[in-house]
Amino acid sequence: MSLTNQNPKEANNPAFYFTANEGGISKIDALTNKVFDSIKIEGTVHNVQISPDNKMIGITIVSGHGGHDGHGGHGAHEGHEAHGGHGAKNEKAAFYDAKTNELIKEVNGGAHPAHIVFTEDNQYAVVTNTGDNNVSVIDMKTYEVVQTISTGNGPHGLRISADSKIAYIANMNENTVSVIDLGEMKETKKIIVGDVPVTTGITKDGKTLVATLNSENSLAIVDVASEKVEKVKVGKGPAQVYIQSDDKYAWVANQGTSDNPSNSVTKVDLEARKVVATIEVGNGAHGIVTSKDNKFVYVTNMYDNTVSVIDIEKNEVITTVNVGENPNGITIQ
């Protein structure tokens, strides 16, 4: 790891967002929308998440170019599966200090680690292993894998309930979301959602689950109790989805493919179950997150190496930030 552009200003301005890139992480000042620093990492950083206390970031690292064009429908998601059987020695989760950018710990888990999410109580970090069809549960006190839990085929994006009890795993190579009980440390059921689910989201009350359906160009909205699924058409090749903190809107990044990229973000009203805005961003919109005050949306544009910053009230892009190569996941303090 090497660092650039160190600046004492950081101590006075702790608000940053981070993008997962090929070869490292970009750290962007959330007030100025300028790249403040970068962390160089060997391999491709597929996903990045901030811990609930904002003190560390967790990342997943895959070898070479793995995973960045993996959400373009059936052919591409099969590429994820093919990748999983090799290169595992260079694939891992890692944790960095969010303030100093220093490496805290690297953890070896399964093949082709995809997404990483912390429980809200900061007890665990959960990592999906696309190549092994399971998740690794990492104890955040010891940084050891304390359990490996089987999932469906091709586990990818996940979110964890606000009470830290349930993880919802999108299984890209089938049509389900695995429901993982983190108390019992096992998969309790699968919910059928639709074709090629890539990522999930769960409302604060735990009643509504969402999942992007890459091959259906739709967002599945699921009543958790009844497992009834409603589908809302979004843009082409949706990748990540993020539910803002008041649970009013779900934001969907529409990636498309490298040969036929999409360049939009879809704003879905979760109560009305309908699209209320479509916003043009950069090519290959992939990772997406909202600020905690629900004023801004940040989306990584993989094929433009940029982040679009959207004003939520105006439903328009207010600035574009150049970041690292092939930006994928994104997280904000």
C-alpha atoms as a PDB file:
ATOM      1  CA  MET A   1       0.000   0.000   0.000  1.00  0.00           C
ATOM      2  CA  SER A   2       1.172   3.527  -0.672  1.00  0.00           C
ATOM      3  CA  LEU A   3      -0.464   6.857   0.053  1.00  0.00           C
ATOM      4  CA  THR A   4      -0.488  10.145  -1.805  1.00  0.00           C
ATOM      5  CA  ASN A   5      -1.503  13.728  -1.052  1.00  0.00           C
ATOM      6  CA  GLN A   6      -1.459  13.546   2.730  1.00  0.00           C
ATOM      7  CA  ASN A   7      -2.864  16.729   4.213  1.00  0.00           C
ATOM      8  CA  PRO A   8      -3.453  17.889   7.809  1.00  0.00           C
ATOM      9  CA  LYS A   9      -6.776  19.312   6.642  1.00  0.00           C
ATOM     10  CA  GLU A  10      -8.194  15.812   7.146  1.00  0.00           C
ATOM     11  CA  ALA A  11      -8.368  16.237  10.912  1.00  0.00           C
ATOM     12  CA  ASN A  12     -10.738  19.168  10.502  1.00  0.00           C
ATOM     13  CA  ASN A  13     -12.880  17.651   7.772  1.00  0.00           C
ATOM     14  CA  PRO A  14     -13.838  14.055   8.523  1.00  0.00           C
ATOM     15  CA  ALA A  15     -16.541  13.656   5.862  1.00  0.00           C
ATOM     16  CA  PHE A  16     -15.363  11.474   2.989  1.00  0.00           C
ATOM     17  CA  TYR A  17     -16.664   8.973   0.504  1.00  0.00           C
ATOM     18  CA  PHE A  18     -14.640   6.109  -0.906  1.00  0.00           C
ATOM     19  CA  THR A  19     -14.708   4.301  -4.245  1.00  0.00           C
ATOM     20  CA  ALA A  20     -13.463   0.781  -4.959  1.00  0.00           C
ATOM     21  CA  ASN A  21     -11.259   0.869  -8.068  1.00  0.00           C
ATOM     22  CA  GLU A  22      -8.963  -1.344 -10.060  1.00  0.00           C
ATOM     23  CA  GLY A  23      -5.677  -0.955  -8.193  1.00  0.00           C
ATOM     24  CA  GLY A  24      -6.946   0.832  -5.126  1.00  0.00           C
ATOM     25  CA  ILE A  25      -9.371   3.169  -3.404  1.00  0.00           C
ATOM     26  CA  SER A  26     -10.158   6.822  -4.071  1.00  0.00           C
ATOM     27  CA  LYS A  27     -10.947   8.956  -1.012  1.00  0.00           C
ATOM     28  CA  ILE A  28     -13.050  12.010  -1.873  1.00  0.00           C
ATOM     29  CA  ASP A  29     -13.795  15.034   0.305  1.00  0.00           C
ATOM     30  CA  ALA A  30     -17.592  15.129   0.589  1.00  0.00           C
ATOM     31  CA  LEU A  31     -17.671  18.916   1.035  1.00  0.00           C
ATOM     32  CA  THR A  32     -15.558  19.838  -1.979  1.00  0.00           C
ATOM     33  CA  ASN A  33     -16.080  16.684  -4.104  1.00  0.00           C
ATOM     34  CA  LYS A  34     -12.331  16.619  -4.753  1.00  0.00           C
ATOM     35  CA  VAL A  35     -10.172  13.498  -4.535  1.00  0.00           C
ATOM     36  CA  PHE A  36      -8.319  13.909  -1.266  1.00  0.00           C
ATOM     37  CA  ASP A  37      -6.218  10.783  -1.212  1.00  0.00           C
ATOM     38  CA  SER A  38      -5.753   7.344  -2.716  1.00  0.00           C
ATOM     39  CA  ILE A  39      -4.813   3.963  -1.313  1.00  0.00           C
ATOM     40  CA  LYS A  40      -2.921   1.771  -3.756  1.00  0.00           C
ATOM     41  CA  ILE A  41      -3.767  -1.921  -3.567  1.00  0.00           C
ATOM     42  CA  GLU A  42      -2.603  -4.821  -5.717  1.00  0.00           C
ATOM     43  CA  GLY A  43      -5.576  -6.281  -7.577  1.00  0.00           C
ATOM     44  CA  THR A  44      -9.094  -5.010  -8.094  1.00  0.00           C
ATOM     45  CA  VAL A  45     -11.058  -3.627  -5.177  1.00  0.00           C
ATOM     46  CA  HIS A  46     -14.547  -4.888  -5.911  1.00  0.00           C
ATOM     47  CA  ASN A  47     -16.444  -3.427  -2.981  1.00  0.00           C
ATOM     48  CA  VAL A  48     -15.906  -0.963  -0.136  1.00  0.00           C
ATOM     49  CA  GLN A  49     -17.998  -0.317   2.979  1.00  0.00           C
ATOM     50  CA  ILE A  50     -17.629   2.038   5.930  1.00  0.00           C
ATOM     51  CA  SER A  51     -18.110   0.621   9.418  1.00  0.00           C
ATOM     52  CA  PRO A  52     -21.097   1.840  11.469  1.00  0.00           C
ATOM     53  CA  ASP A  53     -18.810   3.924  13.701  1.00  0.00           C
ATOM     54  CA  ASN A  54     -17.123   5.449  10.600  1.00  0.00           C
ATOM     55  CA  LYS A  55     -13.702   4.404  11.888  1.00  0.00           C
ATOM     56  CA  MET A  56     -12.714   1.826   9.282  1.00  0.00           C
ATOM     57  CA  ILE A  57     -13.455   0.688   5.770  1.00  0.00           C
ATOM     58  CA  GLY A  58     -13.794  -2.920   4.714  1.00  0.00           C
ATOM     59  CA  ILE A  59     -12.957  -3.950   1.164  1.00  0.00           C
ATOM     60  CA  THR A  60     -12.942  -7.043  -1.014  1.00  0.00           C
ATOM     61  CA  ILE A  61      -9.995  -7.652  -3.334  1.00  0.00           C
ATOM     62  CA  VAL A  62     -10.012  -9.897  -6.391  1.00  0.00           C
ATOM     63  CA  SER A  63      -7.191 -10.724  -8.790  1.00  0.00           C
ATOM     64  CA  GLY A  64      -6.595  -8.673 -11.921  1.00  0.00           C
ATOM     65  CA  HIS A  65      -9.684  -7.393 -13.695  1.00  0.00           C
ATOM     66  CA  GLY A  66     -12.163  -9.709 -12.011  1.00  0.00           C
ATOM     67  CA  GLY A  67     -15.736  -8.739 -11.473  1.00  0.00           C
ATOM     68  CA  HIS A  68     -16.032  -5.290 -12.975  1.00  0.00           C
ATOM     69  CA  ASP A  69     -18.037  -6.300 -16.011  1.00  0.00           C
ATOM     70  CA  GLY A  70     -19.900  -9.022 -14.217  1.00  0.00           C
ATOM     71  CA  HIS A  71     -23.441  -7.672 -14.256  1.00  0.00           C
ATOM     72  CA  GLY A  72     -24.316  -7.622 -17.913  1.00  0.00           C
ATOM     73  CA  GLY A  73     -26.859 -10.412 -18.019  1.00  0.00           C
ATOM     74  CA  HIS A  74     -26.476 -14.160 -18.252  1.00  0.00           C
ATOM     75  CA  GLY A  75     -23.162 -14.325 -20.070  1.00  0.00           C
ATOM     76  CA  ALA A  76     -21.485 -11.896 -17.749  1.00  0.00           C
ATOM     77  CA  HIS A  77     -22.785 -13.358 -14.535  1.00  0.00           C
ATOM     78  CA  GLU A  78     -21.565 -16.763 -15.636  1.00  0.00           C
ATOM     79  CA  GLY A  79     -18.166 -15.099 -15.938  1.00  0.00           C
ATOM     80  CA  HIS A  80     -18.306 -14.437 -12.211  1.00  0.00           C
ATOM     81  CA  GLU A  81     -18.784 -18.116 -11.570  1.00  0.00           C
ATOM     82  CA  ALA A  82     -15.953 -19.088 -13.897  1.00  0.00           C
ATOM     83  CA  HIS A  83     -13.592 -16.707 -12.152  1.00  0.00           C
ATOM     84  CA  GLY A  84     -14.221 -18.125  -8.713  1.00  0.00           C
ATOM     85  CA  GLY A  85     -12.224 -21.305  -9.095  1.00  0.00           C
ATOM     86  CA  HIS A  86      -8.781 -19.733  -9.377  1.00  0.00           C
ATOM     87  CA  GLY A  87      -6.660 -16.964  -7.987  1.00  0.00           C
ATOM     88  CA  ALA A  88      -8.116 -17.315  -4.506  1.00  0.00           C
ATOM     89  CA  LYS A  89      -4.724 -16.845  -2.846  1.00  0.00           C
ATOM     90  CA  ASN A  90      -4.747 -13.214  -3.990  1.00  0.00           C
ATOM     91  CA  GLU A  91      -8.388 -12.703  -3.068  1.00  0.00           C
ATOM     92  CA  LYS A  92      -9.300 -11.477   0.384  1.00  0.00           C
ATOM     93  CA  ALA A  93     -11.086  -8.999   2.560  1.00  0.00           C
ATOM     94  CA  ALA A  94      -9.107  -6.182   4.120  1.00  0.00           C
ATOM     95  CA  PHE A  95      -9.738  -3.485   6.692  1.00  0.00           C
ATOM     96  CA  TYR A  96      -8.265   0.016   6.686  1.00  0.00           C
ATOM     97  CA  ASP A  97      -8.359   2.891   9.134  1.00  0.00           C
ATOM     98  CA  ALA A  98     -10.763   5.406   7.570  1.00  0.00           C
ATOM     99  CA  LYS A  99      -8.832   8.392   8.931  1.00  0.00           C
ATOM    100  CA  THR A 100      -5.179   7.410   8.464  1.00  0.00           C
ATOM    101  CA  ASN A 101      -5.704   4.986   5.524  1.00  0.00           C
ATOM    102  CA  GLU A 102      -3.439   2.462   7.241  1.00  0.00           C
ATOM    103  CA  LEU A 103      -4.012  -1.261   6.763  1.00  0.00           C
ATOM    104  CA  ILE A 104      -5.445  -2.866   9.895  1.00  0.00           C
ATOM    105  CA  LYS A 105      -5.870  -6.483   8.828  1.00  0.00           C
ATOM    106  CA  GLU A 106      -6.214  -8.753   5.805  1.00  0.00           C
ATOM    107  CA  VAL A 107      -8.499 -11.769   6.064  1.00  0.00           C
ATOM    108  CA  ASN A 108      -8.540 -14.749   3.728  1.00  0.00           C
ATOM    109  CA  GLY A 109     -11.980 -16.200   3.094  1.00  0.00           C
ATOM    110  CA  GLY A 110     -13.530 -17.827   0.049  1.00  0.00           C
ATOM    111  CA  ALA A 111     -13.097 -17.611  -3.717  1.00  0.00           C
ATOM    112  CA  HIS A 112     -13.979 -14.396  -5.513  1.00  0.00           C
ATOM    113  CA  PRO A 113     -15.102 -12.253  -2.583  1.00  0.00           C
ATOM    114  CA  ALA A 114     -17.727  -9.833  -3.867  1.00  0.00           C
ATOM    115  CA  HIS A 115     -19.397  -7.566  -1.292  1.00  0.00           C
ATOM    116  CA  ILE A 116     -18.662  -6.816   2.343  1.00  0.00           C
ATOM    117  CA  VAL A 117     -21.127  -5.345   4.864  1.00  0.00           C
ATOM    118  CA  PHE A 118     -20.813  -4.679   8.589  1.00  0.00           C
ATOM    119  CA  THR A 119     -23.567  -5.450  11.069  1.00  0.00           C
ATOM    120  CA  GLU A 120     -24.905  -2.274  12.661  1.00  0.00           C
ATOM    121  CA  ASP A 121     -23.639  -3.404  16.068  1.00  0.00           C
ATOM    122  CA  ASN A 122     -20.168  -3.737  14.494  1.00  0.00           C
ATOM    123  CA  GLN A 123     -19.854  -7.301  15.777  1.00  0.00           C
ATOM    124  CA  TYR A 124     -19.395  -8.893  12.355  1.00  0.00           C
ATOM    125  CA  ALA A 125     -18.458  -8.193   8.773  1.00  0.00           C
ATOM    126  CA  VAL A 126     -20.124 -10.485   6.235  1.00  0.00           C
ATOM    127  CA  VAL A 127     -18.405 -11.244   2.917  1.00  0.00           C
ATOM    128  CA  THR A 128     -20.046 -12.990  -0.037  1.00  0.00           C
ATOM    129  CA  ASN A 129     -17.838 -15.531  -1.816  1.00  0.00           C
ATOM    130  CA  THR A 130     -19.212 -15.779  -5.341  1.00  0.00           C
ATOM    131  CA  GLY A 131     -16.887 -18.606  -6.337  1.00  0.00           C
ATOM    132  CA  ASP A 132     -17.719 -20.825  -3.356  1.00  0.00           C
ATOM    133  CA  ASN A 133     -21.460 -20.176  -2.994  1.00  0.00           C
ATOM    134  CA  ASN A 134     -21.149 -19.106   0.620  1.00  0.00           C
ATOM    135  CA  VAL A 135     -20.511 -16.170   2.924  1.00  0.00           C
ATOM    136  CA  SER A 136     -17.727 -15.637   5.437  1.00  0.00           C
ATOM    137  CA  VAL A 137     -18.659 -14.126   8.794  1.00  0.00           C
ATOM    138  CA  ILE A 138     -15.719 -12.194  10.266  1.00  0.00           C
ATOM    139  CA  ASP A 139     -15.561 -11.372  13.979  1.00  0.00           C
ATOM    140  CA  MET A 140     -14.588  -7.706  14.185  1.00  0.00           C
ATOM    141  CA  LYS A 141     -12.795  -8.140  17.500  1.00  0.00           C
ATOM    142  CA  THR A 142     -10.463 -10.875  16.316  1.00  0.00           C
ATOM    143  CA  TYR A 143     -10.610 -10.377  12.502  1.00  0.00           C
ATOM    144  CA  GLU A 144     -11.094 -14.121  12.153  1.00  0.00           C
ATOM    145  CA  VAL A 145     -13.652 -15.986  10.079  1.00  0.00           C
ATOM    146  CA  VAL A 146     -15.913 -17.499  12.729  1.00  0.00           C
ATOM    147  CA  GLN A 147     -18.428 -19.107  10.373  1.00  0.00           C
ATOM    148  CA  THR A 148     -18.864 -20.001   6.712  1.00  0.00           C
ATOM    149  CA  ILE A 149     -22.509 -20.235   5.654  1.00  0.00           C
ATOM    150  CA  SER A 150     -23.771 -21.809   2.433  1.00  0.00           C
ATOM    151  CA  THR A 151     -26.000 -19.687   0.187  1.00  0.00           C
ATOM    152  CA  GLY A 152     -27.538 -19.982  -3.245  1.00  0.00           C
ATOM    153  CA  ASN A 153     -25.539 -20.042  -6.462  1.00  0.00           C
ATOM    154  CA  GLY A 154     -23.365 -16.981  -7.085  1.00  0.00           C
ATOM    155  CA  PRO A 155     -23.853 -14.865  -3.936  1.00  0.00           C
ATOM    156  CA  HIS A 156     -23.064 -11.246  -4.618  1.00  0.00           C
ATOM    157  CA  GLY A 157     -24.543  -8.060  -3.149  1.00  0.00           C
ATOM    158  CA  LEU A 158     -25.979  -8.061   0.362  1.00  0.00           C
ATOM    159  CA  ARG A 159     -27.451  -5.880   3.053  1.00  0.00           C
ATOM    160  CA  ILE A 160     -28.057  -6.586   6.734  1.00  0.00           C
ATOM    161  CA  SER A 161     -31.132  -5.661   8.758  1.00  0.00           C
ATOM    162  CA  ALA A 162     -30.900  -2.660  11.094  1.00  0.00           C
ATOM    163  CA  ASP A 163     -31.088  -4.967  14.122  1.00  0.00           C
ATOM    164  CA  SER A 164     -27.974  -6.832  12.874  1.00  0.00           C
ATOM    165  CA  LYS A 165     -29.839 -10.166  12.879  1.00  0.00           C
ATOM    166  CA  ILE A 166     -30.562 -10.993   9.221  1.00  0.00           C
ATOM    167  CA  ALA A 167     -28.448 -10.780   6.063  1.00  0.00           C
ATOM    168  CA  TYR A 168     -30.093 -10.772   2.634  1.00  0.00           C
ATOM    169  CA  ILE A 169     -27.830 -12.161  -0.097  1.00  0.00           C
ATOM    170  CA  ALA A 170     -28.513 -11.730  -3.828  1.00  0.00           C
ATOM    171  CA  ASN A 171     -27.674 -14.984  -5.642  1.00  0.00           C
ATOM    172  CA  MET A 172     -26.684 -13.890  -9.145  1.00  0.00           C
ATOM    173  CA  ASN A 173     -26.608 -17.325 -10.733  1.00  0.00           C
ATOM    174  CA  GLU A 174     -30.147 -18.196  -9.743  1.00  0.00           C
ATOM    175  CA  ASN A 175     -33.346 -16.272  -9.039  1.00  0.00           C
ATOM    176  CA  THR A 176     -33.212 -16.034  -5.262  1.00  0.00           C
ATOM    177  CA  VAL A 177     -32.166 -14.038  -2.236  1.00  0.00           C
ATOM    178  CA  SER A 178     -30.720 -16.088   0.622  1.00  0.00           C
ATOM    179  CA  VAL A 179     -31.952 -15.141   4.081  1.00  0.00           C
ATOM    180  CA  ILE A 180     -29.152 -15.661   6.620  1.00  0.00           C
ATOM    181  CA  ASP A 181     -29.822 -15.719  10.368  1.00  0.00           C
ATOM    182  CA  LEU A 182     -26.668 -14.288  11.947  1.00  0.00           C
ATOM    183  CA  GLY A 183     -27.670 -15.526  15.397  1.00  0.00           C
ATOM    184  CA  GLU A 184     -28.052 -19.139  14.317  1.00  0.00           C
ATOM    185  CA  MET A 185     -25.378 -18.683  11.623  1.00  0.00           C
ATOM    186  CA  LYS A 186     -27.331 -20.446   8.907  1.00  0.00           C
ATOM    187  CA  GLU A 187     -29.448 -19.874   5.821  1.00  0.00           C
ATOM    188  CA  THR A 188     -33.074 -20.114   6.922  1.00  0.00           C
ATOM    189  CA  LYS A 189     -34.748 -19.796   3.519  1.00  0.00           C
ATOM    190  CA  LYS A 190     -34.524 -18.428  -0.010  1.00  0.00           C
ATOM    191  CA  ILE A 191     -36.923 -15.879  -1.446  1.00  0.00           C
ATOM    192  CA  ILE A 192     -37.592 -16.104  -5.190  1.00  0.00           C
ATOM    193  CA  VAL A 193     -37.236 -12.590  -6.603  1.00  0.00           C
ATOM    194  CA  GLY A 194     -36.481 -12.835 -10.341  1.00  0.00           C
ATOM    195  CA  ASP A 195     -33.739 -13.227 -12.924  1.00  0.00           C
ATOM    196  CA  VAL A 196     -30.123 -12.424 -11.957  1.00  0.00           C
ATOM    197  CA  PRO A 197     -30.456 -10.524  -8.684  1.00  0.00           C
ATOM    198  CA  VAL A 198     -27.264  -8.499  -8.169  1.00  0.00           C
ATOM    199  CA  THR A 199     -27.679  -6.545  -4.936  1.00  0.00           C
ATOM    200  CA  THR A 200     -30.235  -6.081  -2.174  1.00  0.00           C
ATOM    201  CA  GLY A 201     -31.556  -3.471   0.218  1.00  0.00           C
ATOM    202  CA  ILE A 202     -33.716  -3.708   3.326  1.00  0.00           C
ATOM    203  CA  THR A 203     -35.789  -1.000   4.990  1.00  0.00           C
ATOM    204  CA  LYS A 204     -35.098   0.015   8.602  1.00  0.00           C
ATOM    205  CA  ASP A 205     -38.233  -1.741   9.850  1.00  0.00           C
ATOM    206  CA  GLY A 206     -37.189  -4.954   8.095  1.00  0.00           C
ATOM    207  CA  LYS A 207     -40.499  -5.218   6.266  1.00  0.00           C
ATOM    208  CA  THR A 208     -39.475  -4.400   2.685  1.00  0.00           C
ATOM    209  CA  LEU A 209     -36.670  -6.036   0.727  1.00  0.00           C
ATOM    210  CA  VAL A 210     -35.449  -4.832  -2.659  1.00  0.00           C
ATOM    211  CA  ALA A 211     -33.221  -6.542  -5.216  1.00  0.00           C
ATOM    212  CA  THR A 212     -31.956  -5.443  -8.617  1.00  0.00           C
ATOM    213  CA  LEU A 213     -32.877  -7.903 -11.362  1.00  0.00           C
ATOM    214  CA  ASN A 214     -30.135  -7.458 -13.917  1.00  0.00           C
ATOM    215  CA  SER A 215     -31.648  -9.547 -16.708  1.00  0.00           C
ATOM    216  CA  GLU A 216     -35.161  -8.160 -16.233  1.00  0.00           C
ATOM    217  CA  ASN A 217     -34.167  -4.472 -16.093  1.00  0.00           C
ATOM    218  CA  SER A 218     -36.266  -4.279 -12.967  1.00  0.00           C
ATOM    219  CA  LEU A 219     -36.218  -3.713  -9.237  1.00  0.00           C
ATOM    220  CA  ALA A 220     -37.944  -6.400  -7.186  1.00  0.00           C
ATOM    221  CA  ILE A 221     -39.807  -5.012  -4.166  1.00  0.00           C
ATOM    222  CA  VAL A 222     -40.578  -7.789  -1.706  1.00  0.00           C
ATOM    223  CA  ASP A 223     -42.914  -7.914   1.281  1.00  0.00           C
ATOM    224  CA  VAL A 224     -40.687  -9.864   3.655  1.00  0.00           C
ATOM    225  CA  ALA A 225     -43.573 -11.375   5.636  1.00  0.00           C
ATOM    226  CA  SER A 226     -45.592 -12.666   2.678  1.00  0.00           C
ATOM    227  CA  GLU A 227     -42.687 -12.928   0.178  1.00  0.00           C
ATOM    228  CA  LYS A 228     -44.943 -11.256  -2.386  1.00  0.00           C
ATOM    229  CA  VAL A 229     -42.854  -9.660  -5.132  1.00  0.00           C
ATOM    230  CA  GLU A 230     -43.707  -6.566  -7.150  1.00  0.00           C
ATOM    231  CA  LYS A 231     -41.424  -5.531 -10.009  1.00  0.00           C
ATOM    232  CA  VAL A 232     -40.740  -1.992 -11.145  1.00  0.00           C
ATOM    233  CA  LYS A 233     -39.046  -1.420 -14.494  1.00  0.00           C
ATOM    234  CA  VAL A 234     -35.822   0.570 -14.199  1.00  0.00           C
ATOM    235  CA  GLY A 235     -32.940   1.168 -16.618  1.00  0.00           C
ATOM    236  CA  LYS A 236     -30.847  -1.275 -18.590  1.00  0.00           C
ATOM    237  CA  GLY A 237     -28.764  -3.793 -16.647  1.00  0.00           C
ATOM    238  CA  PRO A 238     -29.304  -2.551 -13.076  1.00  0.00           C
ATOM    239  CA  ALA A 239     -26.379  -3.216 -10.740  1.00  0.00           C
ATOM    240  CA  GLN A 240     -26.503  -1.754  -7.240  1.00  0.00           C
ATOM    241  CA  VAL A 241     -29.470  -0.401  -5.290  1.00  0.00           C
ATOM    242  CA  TYR A 242     -29.431   1.777  -2.172  1.00  0.00           C
ATOM    243  CA  ILE A 243     -32.314   2.723   0.113  1.00  0.00           C
ATOM    244  CA  GLN A 244     -31.939   6.210   1.574  1.00  0.00           C
ATOM    245  CA  SER A 245     -32.017   6.546   5.361  1.00  0.00           C
ATOM    246  CA  ASP A 246     -35.681   7.564   5.658  1.00  0.00           C
ATOM    247  CA  ASP A 247     -36.738   4.574   3.512  1.00  0.00           C
ATOM    248  CA  LYS A 248     -38.666   6.818   1.127  1.00  0.00           C
ATOM    249  CA  TYR A 249     -36.736   6.129  -2.068  1.00  0.00           C
ATOM    250  CA  ALA A 250     -34.617   3.329  -3.480  1.00  0.00           C
ATOM    251  CA  TRP A 251     -31.914   4.449  -5.909  1.00  0.00           C
ATOM    252  CA  VAL A 252     -30.862   2.078  -8.700  1.00  0.00           C
ATOM    253  CA  ALA A 253     -27.654   2.359 -10.740  1.00  0.00           C
ATOM    254  CA  ASN A 254     -28.179   1.083 -14.288  1.00  0.00           C
ATOM    255  CA  GLN A 255     -24.902  -0.260 -15.661  1.00  0.00           C
ATOM    256  CA  GLY A 256     -25.692  -2.055 -18.904  1.00  0.00           C
ATOM    257  CA  THR A 257     -22.567  -3.733 -20.295  1.00  0.00           C
ATOM    258  CA  SER A 258     -19.189  -2.510 -21.549  1.00  0.00           C
ATOM    259  CA  ASP A 259     -20.349  -3.143 -25.121  1.00  0.00           C
ATOM    260  CA  ASN A 260     -23.708  -1.512 -24.544  1.00  0.00           C
ATOM    261  CA  PRO A 261     -23.418   0.679 -21.447  1.00  0.00           C
ATOM    262  CA  SER A 262     -26.285   2.311 -19.659  1.00  0.00           C
ATOM    263  CA  ASN A 263     -25.931   5.733 -18.060  1.00  0.00           C
ATOM    264  CA  SER A 264     -28.834   6.341 -15.731  1.00  0.00           C
ATOM    265  CA  VAL A 265     -29.988   6.231 -12.139  1.00  0.00           C
ATOM    266  CA  THR A 266     -33.599   5.359 -11.339  1.00  0.00           C
ATOM    267  CA  LYS A 267     -35.371   6.849  -8.308  1.00  0.00           C
ATOM    268  CA  VAL A 268     -38.116   4.532  -7.034  1.00  0.00           C
ATOM    269  CA  ASP A 269     -40.782   5.575  -4.531  1.00  0.00           C
ATOM    270  CA  LEU A 270     -41.001   2.551  -2.241  1.00  0.00           C
ATOM    271  CA  GLU A 271     -44.468   3.294  -0.910  1.00  0.00           C
ATOM    272  CA  ALA A 272     -46.025   4.063  -4.289  1.00  0.00           C
ATOM    273  CA  ARG A 273     -43.987   1.290  -5.968  1.00  0.00           C
ATOM    274  CA  LYS A 274     -43.213   3.484  -8.969  1.00  0.00           C
ATOM    275  CA  VAL A 275     -40.401   5.349 -10.713  1.00  0.00           C
ATOM    276  CA  VAL A 276     -40.477   9.056  -9.896  1.00  0.00           C
ATOM    277  CA  ALA A 277     -37.280  10.171 -11.668  1.00  0.00           C
ATOM    278  CA  THR A 278     -34.644   8.954 -14.111  1.00  0.00           C
ATOM    279  CA  ILE A 279     -31.360  10.844 -13.993  1.00  0.00           C
ATOM    280  CA  GLU A 280     -28.644  10.709 -16.625  1.00  0.00           C
ATOM    281  CA  VAL A 281     -25.191  10.016 -15.222  1.00  0.00           C
ATOM    282  CA  GLY A 282     -21.972   8.560 -16.684  1.00  0.00           C
ATOM    283  CA  ASN A 283     -21.448   5.330 -18.584  1.00  0.00           C
ATOM    284  CA  GLY A 284     -21.691   2.095 -16.639  1.00  0.00           C
ATOM    285  CA  ALA A 285     -23.420   3.350 -13.484  1.00  0.00           C
ATOM    286  CA  HIS A 286     -22.634   0.694 -10.902  1.00  0.00           C
ATOM    287  CA  GLY A 287     -22.143   1.559  -7.228  1.00  0.00           C
ATOM    288  CA  ILE A 288     -24.578   3.870  -5.473  1.00  0.00           C
ATOM    289  CA  VAL A 289     -25.044   5.406  -2.030  1.00  0.00           C
ATOM    290  CA  THR A 290     -26.891   8.353  -0.487  1.00  0.00           C
ATOM    291  CA  SER A 291     -25.628  10.813   2.097  1.00  0.00           C
ATOM    292  CA  LYS A 292     -27.017  10.233   5.571  1.00  0.00           C
ATOM    293  CA  ASP A 293     -28.991  13.505   5.405  1.00  0.00           C
ATOM    294  CA  ASN A 294     -30.588  12.359   2.119  1.00  0.00           C
ATOM    295  CA  LYS A 295     -29.413  15.421   0.220  1.00  0.00           C
ATOM    296  CA  PHE A 296     -27.081  13.747  -2.256  1.00  0.00           C
ATOM    297  CA  VAL A 297     -26.661  10.522  -4.221  1.00  0.00           C
ATOM    298  CA  TYR A 298     -23.239   9.325  -5.317  1.00  0.00           C
ATOM    299  CA  VAL A 299     -22.872   6.863  -8.194  1.00  0.00           C
ATOM    300  CA  THR A 300     -19.752   5.303  -9.704  1.00  0.00           C
ATOM    301  CA  ASN A 301     -19.556   5.322 -13.506  1.00  0.00           C
ATOM    302  CA  MET A 302     -17.352   2.342 -14.296  1.00  0.00           C
ATOM    303  CA  TYR A 303     -16.651   3.060 -17.957  1.00  0.00           C
ATOM    304  CA  ASP A 304     -15.957   6.774 -17.430  1.00  0.00           C
ATOM    305  CA  ASN A 305     -13.829   6.453 -14.260  1.00  0.00           C
ATOM    306  CA  THR A 306     -15.999   9.035 -12.534  1.00  0.00           C
ATOM    307  CA  VAL A 307     -18.518   9.603  -9.760  1.00  0.00           C
ATOM    308  CA  SER A 308     -21.716  11.544 -10.432  1.00  0.00           C
ATOM    309  CA  VAL A 309     -23.083  13.562  -7.518  1.00  0.00           C
ATOM    310  CA  ILE A 310     -26.866  13.981  -7.659  1.00  0.00           C
ATOM    311  CA  ASP A 311     -28.888  16.596  -5.786  1.00  0.00           C
ATOM    312  CA  ILE A 312     -31.846  14.626  -4.418  1.00  0.00           C
ATOM    313  CA  GLU A 313     -34.223  17.585  -4.283  1.00  0.00           C
ATOM    314  CA  LYS A 314     -33.436  18.657  -7.847  1.00  0.00           C
ATOM    315  CA  ASN A 315     -33.012  15.132  -9.270  1.00  0.00           C
ATOM    316  CA  GLU A 316     -30.019  16.265 -11.297  1.00  0.00           C
ATOM    317  CA  VAL A 317     -26.249  15.818 -11.406  1.00  0.00           C
ATOM    318  CA  ILE A 318     -24.499  18.781  -9.811  1.00  0.00           C
ATOM    319  CA  THR A 319     -20.894  17.663 -10.273  1.00  0.00           C
ATOM    320  CA  THR A 320     -18.761  14.865 -11.717  1.00  0.00           C
ATOM    321  CA  VAL A 321     -15.585  13.673 -10.004  1.00  0.00           C
ATOM    322  CA  ASN A 322     -12.700  11.876 -11.719  1.00  0.00           C
ATOM    323  CA  VAL A 323     -11.602   8.903  -9.610  1.00  0.00           C
ATOM    324  CA  GLY A 324      -9.592   5.708 -10.083  1.00  0.00           C
ATOM    325  CA  GLU A 325      -9.888   3.174 -12.876  1.00  0.00           C
ATOM    326  CA  ASN A 326     -13.149   1.198 -13.202  1.00  0.00           C
ATOM    327  CA  PRO A 327     -14.798   2.479 -10.009  1.00  0.00           C
ATOM    328  CA  ASN A 328     -17.135  -0.154  -8.624  1.00  0.00           C
ATOM    329  CA  GLY A 329     -18.406  -0.052  -5.046  1.00  0.00           C
ATOM    330  CA  ILE A 330     -18.875   3.186  -3.101  1.00  0.00           C
ATOM    331  CA  THR A 331     -19.475   4.111   0.542  1.00  0.00           C
ATOM    332  CA  ILE A 332     -19.824   7.340   2.531  1.00  0.00           C
ATOM    333  CA  GLN A 333     -19.133   8.402   6.099  1.00  0.00           C
END
